[in-house]
Amino acid sequence: MTPDTVHCREAEAGDLPAVSRQVAESYRAAYRGLMREDYLASLTDGHWVPVLTESLAAGSTCILAEDGAEVVGSIVFGPSAADPRPGVYEIFALYLLPGYIAQGLGHRLYHEAERRMIGQGAVGCVAEALCGNNRSIRFCLAHGFAETGTFSVEENGMTLQCLTLRKEWKHPDTIL
């Protein structure tokens, strides 16, 4: 990857199968050793299409990163369901293909999402990370999020410990 070969744009409905394929591959890599291998192996390339479709229909935005014709990263964000106060947004997903990690692409996607959230009137943003996903936690902390708590969730026969994070913009017009 070079900065000249990767372009970011808002995903459209026709992009969702490719985004789902990218998220599934990225998800399997990100959670290897943190989730059951049989569950990760069961995730098909199309697993996330219904989730993405529902999310976009509810008003969320998906920005994808393409290297040529391949979707190599994506971020999904929108008004928060976890924190329903006006102006609080949530990052629902940020995933990169393994070969694109630590190349600056995650930062590009996050900054574009932040710019758009602020442009839509956001005053804060929440995110969740699986405890043990140190790369994700470090990423959020490096972008100004603070840890706000933990919770447990039962998913697919697993008890998962998660961390909640929050970032507030005091003066949104001066952020970027």
N, C-alpha and C. Protein backbone atom coordinates (compact mmCIF):
# COMPACT_ATOMS: atom_id res chain seq x y z
N MET A 1 0.84 -1.18 0.00
CA MET A 1 0.00 0.00 0.00
C MET A 1 0.88 1.23 0.00
N THR A 2 0.50 2.17 -0.83
CA THR A 2 1.08 3.51 -0.76
C THR A 2 -0.08 4.48 -0.65
N PRO A 3 0.14 5.66 -0.09
CA PRO A 3 -0.98 6.61 0.05
C PRO A 3 -1.66 6.90 -1.29
N ASP A 4 -0.93 6.82 -2.38
CA ASP A 4 -1.51 7.12 -3.68
C ASP A 4 -2.44 6.03 -4.20
N THR A 5 -2.31 4.81 -3.68
CA THR A 5 -3.10 3.71 -4.23
C THR A 5 -4.39 3.46 -3.47
N VAL A 6 -4.54 4.01 -2.28
CA VAL A 6 -5.75 3.77 -1.47
C VAL A 6 -6.60 5.03 -1.46
N HIS A 7 -7.86 4.85 -1.82
CA HIS A 7 -8.81 5.96 -1.85
C HIS A 7 -9.99 5.63 -0.95
N CYS A 8 -10.50 6.63 -0.25
CA CYS A 8 -11.64 6.46 0.65
C CYS A 8 -12.86 7.14 0.06
N ARG A 9 -14.00 6.50 0.25
CA ARG A 9 -15.26 7.08 -0.20
C ARG A 9 -16.40 6.45 0.58
N GLU A 10 -17.55 7.09 0.51
CA GLU A 10 -18.73 6.55 1.19
C GLU A 10 -19.24 5.33 0.44
N ALA A 11 -19.55 4.30 1.19
CA ALA A 11 -20.07 3.07 0.60
C ALA A 11 -21.51 3.26 0.13
N GLU A 12 -21.84 2.56 -0.93
CA GLU A 12 -23.20 2.53 -1.45
C GLU A 12 -23.73 1.10 -1.29
N ALA A 13 -25.01 0.92 -1.47
CA ALA A 13 -25.62 -0.40 -1.27
C ALA A 13 -24.91 -1.49 -2.08
N GLY A 14 -24.50 -1.18 -3.29
CA GLY A 14 -23.83 -2.18 -4.13
C GLY A 14 -22.44 -2.57 -3.63
N ASP A 15 -21.88 -1.77 -2.73
CA ASP A 15 -20.56 -2.06 -2.16
C ASP A 15 -20.62 -3.03 -0.98
N LEU A 16 -21.80 -3.24 -0.42
CA LEU A 16 -21.89 -3.97 0.84
C LEU A 16 -21.36 -5.40 0.79
N PRO A 17 -21.54 -6.16 -0.28
CA PRO A 17 -20.92 -7.49 -0.30
C PRO A 17 -19.39 -7.43 -0.21
N ALA A 18 -18.78 -6.47 -0.88
CA ALA A 18 -17.31 -6.35 -0.81
C ALA A 18 -16.87 -5.87 0.57
N VAL A 19 -17.64 -4.94 1.17
CA VAL A 19 -17.31 -4.48 2.52
C VAL A 19 -17.47 -5.65 3.50
N SER A 20 -18.53 -6.42 3.36
CA SER A 20 -18.75 -7.58 4.24
C SER A 20 -17.59 -8.57 4.14
N ARG A 21 -17.13 -8.83 2.94
CA ARG A 21 -16.00 -9.74 2.73
C ARG A 21 -14.76 -9.20 3.45
N GLN A 22 -14.50 -7.90 3.31
CA GLN A 22 -13.34 -7.27 3.97
C GLN A 22 -13.49 -7.33 5.49
N VAL A 23 -14.69 -7.02 6.00
CA VAL A 23 -14.89 -7.06 7.46
C VAL A 23 -14.73 -8.48 7.98
N ALA A 24 -15.28 -9.46 7.28
CA ALA A 24 -15.17 -10.85 7.75
C ALA A 24 -13.71 -11.27 7.85
N GLU A 25 -12.92 -10.98 6.82
CA GLU A 25 -11.50 -11.35 6.85
C GLU A 25 -10.77 -10.59 7.96
N SER A 26 -11.05 -9.32 8.09
CA SER A 26 -10.41 -8.50 9.11
C SER A 26 -10.81 -8.94 10.51
N TYR A 27 -12.08 -9.25 10.69
CA TYR A 27 -12.62 -9.69 11.97
C TYR A 27 -11.97 -10.98 12.42
N ARG A 28 -11.87 -11.94 11.50
CA ARG A 28 -11.23 -13.22 11.84
C ARG A 28 -9.79 -12.99 12.30
N ALA A 29 -9.08 -12.11 11.63
CA ALA A 29 -7.68 -11.83 12.01
C ALA A 29 -7.61 -11.08 13.33
N ALA A 30 -8.48 -10.10 13.52
CA ALA A 30 -8.43 -9.26 14.73
C ALA A 30 -8.75 -10.04 16.00
N TYR A 31 -9.64 -11.01 15.89
CA TYR A 31 -10.12 -11.70 17.08
C TYR A 31 -9.56 -13.11 17.25
N ARG A 32 -8.61 -13.48 16.40
CA ARG A 32 -7.95 -14.78 16.54
C ARG A 32 -7.27 -14.81 17.92
N GLY A 33 -7.59 -15.83 18.70
CA GLY A 33 -7.04 -15.95 20.04
C GLY A 33 -7.88 -15.24 21.10
N LEU A 34 -8.83 -14.42 20.68
CA LEU A 34 -9.70 -13.71 21.62
C LEU A 34 -11.13 -14.25 21.60
N MET A 35 -11.47 -14.93 20.50
CA MET A 35 -12.78 -15.56 20.35
C MET A 35 -12.55 -17.01 19.91
N ARG A 36 -13.59 -17.82 20.08
CA ARG A 36 -13.47 -19.23 19.67
C ARG A 36 -13.18 -19.34 18.18
N GLU A 37 -12.23 -20.19 17.85
CA GLU A 37 -11.84 -20.38 16.45
C GLU A 37 -12.98 -20.93 15.60
N ASP A 38 -13.81 -21.82 16.16
CA ASP A 38 -14.91 -22.37 15.36
C ASP A 38 -15.91 -21.27 14.99
N TYR A 39 -16.12 -20.32 15.88
CA TYR A 39 -17.01 -19.21 15.55
C TYR A 39 -16.38 -18.36 14.45
N LEU A 40 -15.13 -17.99 14.60
CA LEU A 40 -14.46 -17.16 13.59
C LEU A 40 -14.45 -17.85 12.23
N ALA A 41 -14.21 -19.15 12.23
CA ALA A 41 -14.18 -19.90 10.97
C ALA A 41 -15.57 -19.97 10.32
N SER A 42 -16.62 -19.83 11.12
CA SER A 42 -17.98 -19.94 10.58
C SER A 42 -18.44 -18.66 9.88
N LEU A 43 -17.71 -17.58 10.05
CA LEU A 43 -18.12 -16.31 9.44
C LEU A 43 -17.89 -16.35 7.93
N THR A 44 -18.98 -16.27 7.19
CA THR A 44 -18.88 -16.27 5.73
C THR A 44 -18.58 -14.86 5.23
N ASP A 45 -18.16 -14.77 3.99
CA ASP A 45 -17.90 -13.46 3.40
C ASP A 45 -19.14 -12.57 3.40
N GLY A 46 -20.31 -13.15 3.31
CA GLY A 46 -21.55 -12.37 3.28
C GLY A 46 -22.18 -12.15 4.64
N HIS A 47 -21.54 -12.61 5.70
CA HIS A 47 -22.10 -12.54 7.05
C HIS A 47 -22.56 -11.13 7.44
N TRP A 48 -21.80 -10.11 7.08
CA TRP A 48 -22.07 -8.76 7.55
C TRP A 48 -23.01 -7.97 6.64
N VAL A 49 -23.41 -8.53 5.49
CA VAL A 49 -24.28 -7.78 4.58
C VAL A 49 -25.58 -7.35 5.27
N PRO A 50 -26.31 -8.26 5.95
CA PRO A 50 -27.55 -7.81 6.60
C PRO A 50 -27.30 -6.77 7.70
N VAL A 51 -26.22 -6.93 8.45
CA VAL A 51 -25.89 -5.99 9.51
C VAL A 51 -25.59 -4.62 8.91
N LEU A 52 -24.78 -4.59 7.86
CA LEU A 52 -24.45 -3.32 7.20
C LEU A 52 -25.69 -2.68 6.57
N THR A 53 -26.52 -3.48 5.93
CA THR A 53 -27.74 -2.97 5.31
C THR A 53 -28.64 -2.32 6.35
N GLU A 54 -28.84 -3.00 7.46
CA GLU A 54 -29.68 -2.47 8.55
C GLU A 54 -29.07 -1.20 9.13
N SER A 55 -27.77 -1.20 9.31
CA SER A 55 -27.09 -0.05 9.89
C SER A 55 -27.24 1.18 8.99
N LEU A 56 -27.02 1.01 7.69
CA LEU A 56 -27.16 2.14 6.77
C LEU A 56 -28.61 2.62 6.70
N ALA A 57 -29.55 1.68 6.73
CA ALA A 57 -30.97 2.05 6.70
C ALA A 57 -31.36 2.85 7.94
N ALA A 58 -30.66 2.62 9.05
CA ALA A 58 -30.94 3.33 10.31
C ALA A 58 -30.24 4.68 10.38
N GLY A 59 -29.48 5.02 9.34
CA GLY A 59 -28.85 6.34 9.31
C GLY A 59 -27.36 6.36 9.54
N SER A 60 -26.74 5.20 9.67
CA SER A 60 -25.29 5.16 9.84
C SER A 60 -24.60 5.38 8.50
N THR A 61 -23.33 5.66 8.56
CA THR A 61 -22.50 5.88 7.38
C THR A 61 -21.37 4.87 7.38
N CYS A 62 -21.05 4.35 6.21
CA CYS A 62 -19.90 3.46 6.03
C CYS A 62 -18.96 4.12 5.03
N ILE A 63 -17.74 4.32 5.47
CA ILE A 63 -16.70 4.81 4.57
C ILE A 63 -15.78 3.63 4.30
N LEU A 64 -15.52 3.37 3.04
CA LEU A 64 -14.64 2.26 2.70
C LEU A 64 -13.34 2.80 2.12
N ALA A 65 -12.31 1.97 2.23
CA ALA A 65 -11.01 2.28 1.63
C ALA A 65 -10.75 1.23 0.57
N GLU A 66 -10.40 1.69 -0.62
CA GLU A 66 -10.14 0.79 -1.74
C GLU A 66 -8.70 0.94 -2.21
N ASP A 67 -8.09 -0.19 -2.47
CA ASP A 67 -6.78 -0.22 -3.12
C ASP A 67 -7.05 -0.86 -4.47
N GLY A 68 -7.11 -0.05 -5.49
CA GLY A 68 -7.58 -0.54 -6.79
C GLY A 68 -9.06 -0.86 -6.65
N ALA A 69 -9.43 -2.06 -7.01
CA ALA A 69 -10.83 -2.47 -6.92
C ALA A 69 -11.13 -3.24 -5.64
N GLU A 70 -10.13 -3.42 -4.77
CA GLU A 70 -10.32 -4.22 -3.55
C GLU A 70 -10.63 -3.33 -2.36
N VAL A 71 -11.69 -3.68 -1.62
CA VAL A 71 -11.99 -2.99 -0.36
C VAL A 71 -11.02 -3.54 0.68
N VAL A 72 -10.23 -2.63 1.28
CA VAL A 72 -9.17 -3.06 2.21
C VAL A 72 -9.41 -2.54 3.63
N GLY A 73 -10.42 -1.69 3.80
CA GLY A 73 -10.73 -1.17 5.12
C GLY A 73 -12.08 -0.49 5.11
N SER A 74 -12.66 -0.34 6.31
CA SER A 74 -13.95 0.35 6.41
C SER A 74 -14.18 0.80 7.84
N ILE A 75 -15.00 1.83 7.94
CA ILE A 75 -15.46 2.34 9.24
C ILE A 75 -16.94 2.60 9.12
N VAL A 76 -17.70 2.23 10.15
CA VAL A 76 -19.14 2.46 10.20
C VAL A 76 -19.42 3.28 11.45
N PHE A 77 -20.15 4.36 11.29
CA PHE A 77 -20.47 5.23 12.42
C PHE A 77 -21.85 5.85 12.22
N GLY A 78 -22.43 6.30 13.32
CA GLY A 78 -23.72 6.97 13.26
C GLY A 78 -24.16 7.36 14.64
N PRO A 79 -25.37 7.93 14.74
CA PRO A 79 -25.90 8.29 16.05
C PRO A 79 -25.89 7.06 16.97
N SER A 80 -25.50 7.30 18.21
CA SER A 80 -25.32 6.20 19.15
C SER A 80 -26.63 5.65 19.68
N ALA A 81 -26.72 4.34 19.72
CA ALA A 81 -27.82 3.68 20.41
C ALA A 81 -27.42 3.45 21.87
N ALA A 82 -26.13 3.31 22.13
CA ALA A 82 -25.63 3.05 23.48
C ALA A 82 -25.74 4.30 24.35
N ASP A 83 -25.60 5.47 23.76
CA ASP A 83 -25.68 6.73 24.48
C ASP A 83 -26.63 7.63 23.71
N PRO A 84 -27.91 7.62 24.07
CA PRO A 84 -28.92 8.30 23.25
C PRO A 84 -28.98 9.81 23.40
N ARG A 85 -28.04 10.43 24.14
CA ARG A 85 -28.08 11.89 24.25
C ARG A 85 -27.88 12.51 22.87
N PRO A 86 -28.52 13.63 22.61
CA PRO A 86 -28.38 14.29 21.31
C PRO A 86 -26.91 14.62 21.02
N GLY A 87 -26.52 14.36 19.80
CA GLY A 87 -25.17 14.71 19.37
C GLY A 87 -24.09 13.70 19.70
N VAL A 88 -24.46 12.58 20.31
CA VAL A 88 -23.46 11.55 20.61
C VAL A 88 -23.52 10.49 19.51
N TYR A 89 -22.39 10.28 18.89
CA TYR A 89 -22.28 9.30 17.81
C TYR A 89 -21.51 8.09 18.32
N GLU A 90 -21.48 7.06 17.49
CA GLU A 90 -20.79 5.83 17.87
C GLU A 90 -20.04 5.28 16.67
N ILE A 91 -18.85 4.78 16.93
CA ILE A 91 -18.13 4.03 15.91
C ILE A 91 -18.53 2.58 16.13
N PHE A 92 -19.24 2.03 15.18
CA PHE A 92 -19.73 0.66 15.28
C PHE A 92 -18.70 -0.35 14.82
N ALA A 93 -17.87 0.04 13.88
CA ALA A 93 -16.87 -0.88 13.34
C ALA A 93 -15.77 -0.10 12.64
N LEU A 94 -14.55 -0.55 12.82
CA LEU A 94 -13.38 -0.05 12.07
C LEU A 94 -12.46 -1.24 11.89
N TYR A 95 -12.37 -1.72 10.66
CA TYR A 95 -11.56 -2.90 10.37
C TYR A 95 -10.73 -2.70 9.11
N LEU A 96 -9.52 -3.23 9.16
CA LEU A 96 -8.60 -3.20 8.02
C LEU A 96 -8.15 -4.61 7.71
N LEU A 97 -7.91 -4.91 6.44
CA LEU A 97 -7.27 -6.17 6.11
C LEU A 97 -5.90 -6.21 6.77
N PRO A 98 -5.44 -7.39 7.19
CA PRO A 98 -4.18 -7.48 7.93
C PRO A 98 -2.99 -6.79 7.27
N GLY A 99 -2.87 -6.86 5.96
CA GLY A 99 -1.74 -6.25 5.27
C GLY A 99 -1.78 -4.72 5.25
N TYR A 100 -2.86 -4.13 5.74
CA TYR A 100 -3.02 -2.67 5.72
C TYR A 100 -2.96 -2.05 7.12
N ILE A 101 -2.73 -2.90 8.11
CA ILE A 101 -2.61 -2.42 9.49
C ILE A 101 -1.25 -1.76 9.67
N ALA A 102 -1.22 -0.71 10.48
CA ALA A 102 0.01 0.03 10.82
C ALA A 102 0.61 0.74 9.61
N GLN A 103 -0.25 1.14 8.67
CA GLN A 103 0.18 1.87 7.49
C GLN A 103 -0.42 3.27 7.44
N GLY A 104 -1.18 3.65 8.46
CA GLY A 104 -1.83 4.95 8.50
C GLY A 104 -3.25 4.98 7.97
N LEU A 105 -3.72 3.86 7.42
CA LEU A 105 -5.05 3.83 6.82
C LEU A 105 -6.15 3.93 7.88
N GLY A 106 -5.98 3.28 9.01
CA GLY A 106 -6.96 3.40 10.08
C GLY A 106 -7.12 4.83 10.54
N HIS A 107 -6.01 5.53 10.62
CA HIS A 107 -6.05 6.95 11.00
C HIS A 107 -6.82 7.76 9.96
N ARG A 108 -6.56 7.49 8.69
CA ARG A 108 -7.27 8.21 7.63
C ARG A 108 -8.77 7.98 7.72
N LEU A 109 -9.17 6.72 7.88
CA LEU A 109 -10.60 6.41 7.99
C LEU A 109 -11.20 7.08 9.22
N TYR A 110 -10.51 6.98 10.35
CA TYR A 110 -11.04 7.58 11.57
C TYR A 110 -11.19 9.10 11.42
N HIS A 111 -10.18 9.77 10.89
CA HIS A 111 -10.24 11.22 10.77
C HIS A 111 -11.34 11.66 9.80
N GLU A 112 -11.57 10.89 8.74
CA GLU A 112 -12.68 11.21 7.84
C GLU A 112 -14.02 11.03 8.56
N ALA A 113 -14.14 9.96 9.33
CA ALA A 113 -15.38 9.74 10.09
C ALA A 113 -15.58 10.86 11.11
N GLU A 114 -14.52 11.23 11.82
CA GLU A 114 -14.62 12.30 12.81
C GLU A 114 -15.04 13.61 12.15
N ARG A 115 -14.43 13.92 11.01
CA ARG A 115 -14.79 15.15 10.29
C ARG A 115 -16.27 15.14 9.94
N ARG A 116 -16.77 14.01 9.48
CA ARG A 116 -18.18 13.91 9.10
C ARG A 116 -19.10 13.97 10.32
N MET A 117 -18.71 13.29 11.41
CA MET A 117 -19.53 13.34 12.62
C MET A 117 -19.67 14.77 13.10
N ILE A 118 -18.57 15.49 13.18
CA ILE A 118 -18.59 16.88 13.63
C ILE A 118 -19.43 17.73 12.67
N GLY A 119 -19.30 17.47 11.38
CA GLY A 119 -20.10 18.19 10.39
C GLY A 119 -21.59 17.93 10.54
N GLN A 120 -21.94 16.78 11.11
CA GLN A 120 -23.34 16.44 11.34
C GLN A 120 -23.82 16.88 12.72
N GLY A 121 -22.95 17.60 13.45
CA GLY A 121 -23.36 18.15 14.75
C GLY A 121 -22.99 17.31 15.96
N ALA A 122 -22.14 16.34 15.78
CA ALA A 122 -21.74 15.50 16.92
C ALA A 122 -20.96 16.32 17.94
N VAL A 123 -21.23 16.04 19.21
CA VAL A 123 -20.48 16.65 20.30
C VAL A 123 -19.62 15.63 21.03
N GLY A 124 -19.83 14.36 20.70
CA GLY A 124 -19.05 13.29 21.32
C GLY A 124 -19.22 12.00 20.56
N CYS A 125 -18.37 11.04 20.91
CA CYS A 125 -18.38 9.76 20.22
C CYS A 125 -18.06 8.67 21.23
N VAL A 126 -18.74 7.55 21.12
CA VAL A 126 -18.45 6.39 21.95
C VAL A 126 -17.99 5.24 21.06
N ALA A 127 -17.26 4.34 21.68
CA ALA A 127 -16.79 3.14 20.98
C ALA A 127 -16.67 2.02 22.00
N GLU A 128 -16.63 0.81 21.51
CA GLU A 128 -16.42 -0.36 22.35
C GLU A 128 -15.28 -1.17 21.76
N ALA A 129 -14.53 -1.82 22.63
CA ALA A 129 -13.44 -2.69 22.19
C ALA A 129 -13.45 -3.94 23.05
N LEU A 130 -13.18 -5.05 22.43
CA LEU A 130 -13.07 -6.30 23.17
C LEU A 130 -11.83 -6.22 24.06
N CYS A 131 -12.02 -6.47 25.36
CA CYS A 131 -10.86 -6.48 26.26
C CYS A 131 -9.87 -7.51 25.71
N GLY A 132 -8.64 -7.16 25.68
CA GLY A 132 -7.62 -8.02 25.08
C GLY A 132 -7.27 -7.62 23.67
N ASN A 133 -8.13 -6.83 23.03
CA ASN A 133 -7.82 -6.32 21.69
C ASN A 133 -6.99 -5.04 21.88
N ASN A 134 -5.77 -5.24 22.28
CA ASN A 134 -4.91 -4.12 22.66
C ASN A 134 -4.66 -3.14 21.52
N ARG A 135 -4.57 -3.63 20.30
CA ARG A 135 -4.36 -2.73 19.16
C ARG A 135 -5.53 -1.76 19.04
N SER A 136 -6.74 -2.26 19.16
CA SER A 136 -7.93 -1.41 19.06
C SER A 136 -7.97 -0.41 20.22
N ILE A 137 -7.70 -0.87 21.40
CA ILE A 137 -7.72 0.01 22.57
C ILE A 137 -6.67 1.11 22.44
N ARG A 138 -5.45 0.74 22.05
CA ARG A 138 -4.40 1.75 21.85
C ARG A 138 -4.80 2.77 20.78
N PHE A 139 -5.42 2.28 19.71
CA PHE A 139 -5.87 3.16 18.63
C PHE A 139 -6.85 4.20 19.17
N CYS A 140 -7.85 3.73 19.91
CA CYS A 140 -8.85 4.66 20.46
C CYS A 140 -8.20 5.67 21.42
N LEU A 141 -7.35 5.20 22.30
CA LEU A 141 -6.69 6.10 23.25
C LEU A 141 -5.83 7.12 22.52
N ALA A 142 -5.15 6.70 21.46
CA ALA A 142 -4.31 7.62 20.68
C ALA A 142 -5.13 8.69 19.97
N HIS A 143 -6.41 8.43 19.75
CA HIS A 143 -7.29 9.38 19.09
C HIS A 143 -8.14 10.16 20.08
N GLY A 144 -7.74 10.16 21.35
CA GLY A 144 -8.38 11.01 22.34
C GLY A 144 -9.55 10.42 23.09
N PHE A 145 -9.81 9.14 22.90
CA PHE A 145 -10.87 8.49 23.67
C PHE A 145 -10.36 8.19 25.07
N ALA A 146 -11.27 8.14 26.03
CA ALA A 146 -10.94 7.75 27.39
C ALA A 146 -11.78 6.53 27.76
N GLU A 147 -11.20 5.65 28.54
CA GLU A 147 -11.94 4.48 29.01
C GLU A 147 -13.02 4.94 29.98
N THR A 148 -14.23 4.39 29.81
CA THR A 148 -15.33 4.78 30.68
C THR A 148 -15.94 3.62 31.44
N GLY A 149 -15.58 2.39 31.13
CA GLY A 149 -16.14 1.26 31.86
C GLY A 149 -15.96 -0.04 31.11
N THR A 150 -16.50 -1.08 31.69
CA THR A 150 -16.47 -2.40 31.08
C THR A 150 -17.85 -3.03 31.20
N PHE A 151 -18.09 -4.02 30.37
CA PHE A 151 -19.32 -4.79 30.46
C PHE A 151 -19.07 -6.17 29.87
N SER A 152 -19.94 -7.10 30.20
CA SER A 152 -19.88 -8.45 29.65
C SER A 152 -21.08 -8.65 28.74
N VAL A 153 -20.86 -9.42 27.68
CA VAL A 153 -21.95 -9.74 26.77
C VAL A 153 -21.83 -11.21 26.38
N GLU A 154 -22.95 -11.86 26.23
CA GLU A 154 -23.00 -13.26 25.77
C GLU A 154 -23.31 -13.24 24.29
N GLU A 155 -22.39 -13.75 23.49
CA GLU A 155 -22.59 -13.81 22.05
C GLU A 155 -22.08 -15.13 21.52
N ASN A 156 -22.91 -15.81 20.76
CA ASN A 156 -22.52 -17.04 20.08
C ASN A 156 -21.84 -18.02 21.02
N GLY A 157 -22.41 -18.16 22.22
CA GLY A 157 -21.90 -19.12 23.19
C GLY A 157 -20.62 -18.68 23.89
N MET A 158 -20.24 -17.42 23.75
CA MET A 158 -19.03 -16.90 24.39
C MET A 158 -19.43 -15.77 25.34
N THR A 159 -18.76 -15.70 26.46
CA THR A 159 -18.88 -14.53 27.34
C THR A 159 -17.71 -13.62 27.03
N LEU A 160 -18.02 -12.44 26.51
CA LEU A 160 -16.98 -11.51 26.08
C LEU A 160 -16.94 -10.31 27.02
N GLN A 161 -15.75 -9.92 27.42
CA GLN A 161 -15.54 -8.73 28.24
C GLN A 161 -15.18 -7.58 27.30
N CYS A 162 -15.89 -6.48 27.43
CA CYS A 162 -15.69 -5.34 26.54
C CYS A 162 -15.40 -4.08 27.33
N LEU A 163 -14.69 -3.19 26.69
CA LEU A 163 -14.33 -1.90 27.25
C LEU A 163 -15.14 -0.83 26.52
N THR A 164 -15.67 0.14 27.26
CA THR A 164 -16.34 1.28 26.64
C THR A 164 -15.39 2.48 26.69
N LEU A 165 -15.46 3.27 25.62
CA LEU A 165 -14.60 4.45 25.49
C LEU A 165 -15.44 5.62 25.01
N ARG A 166 -14.99 6.82 25.33
CA ARG A 166 -15.74 8.02 24.96
C ARG A 166 -14.78 9.15 24.63
N LYS A 167 -15.18 9.96 23.67
CA LYS A 167 -14.44 11.15 23.29
C LYS A 167 -15.45 12.28 23.16
N GLU A 168 -15.10 13.44 23.69
CA GLU A 168 -15.98 14.60 23.57
C GLU A 168 -15.24 15.72 22.86
N TRP A 169 -15.99 16.43 22.04
CA TRP A 169 -15.44 17.59 21.35
C TRP A 169 -15.99 18.83 22.02
N LYS A 170 -15.14 19.58 22.66
CA LYS A 170 -15.58 20.79 23.37
C LYS A 170 -15.88 21.91 22.37
N HIS A 171 -15.07 22.02 21.34
CA HIS A 171 -15.24 23.06 20.34
C HIS A 171 -15.18 22.42 18.97
N PRO A 172 -16.29 21.79 18.53
CA PRO A 172 -16.26 21.02 17.27
C PRO A 172 -15.75 21.80 16.06
N ASP A 173 -15.95 23.10 16.02
CA ASP A 173 -15.53 23.85 14.83
C ASP A 173 -14.02 24.04 14.76
N THR A 174 -13.28 23.66 15.81
CA THR A 174 -11.83 23.86 15.80
C THR A 174 -11.06 22.54 15.78
N ILE A 175 -11.76 21.42 15.65
CA ILE A 175 -11.09 20.12 15.75
C ILE A 175 -10.16 19.85 14.58
N LEU A 176 -10.63 19.93 13.37
CA LEU A 176 -9.80 19.51 12.24
C LEU A 176 -9.34 20.64 11.39
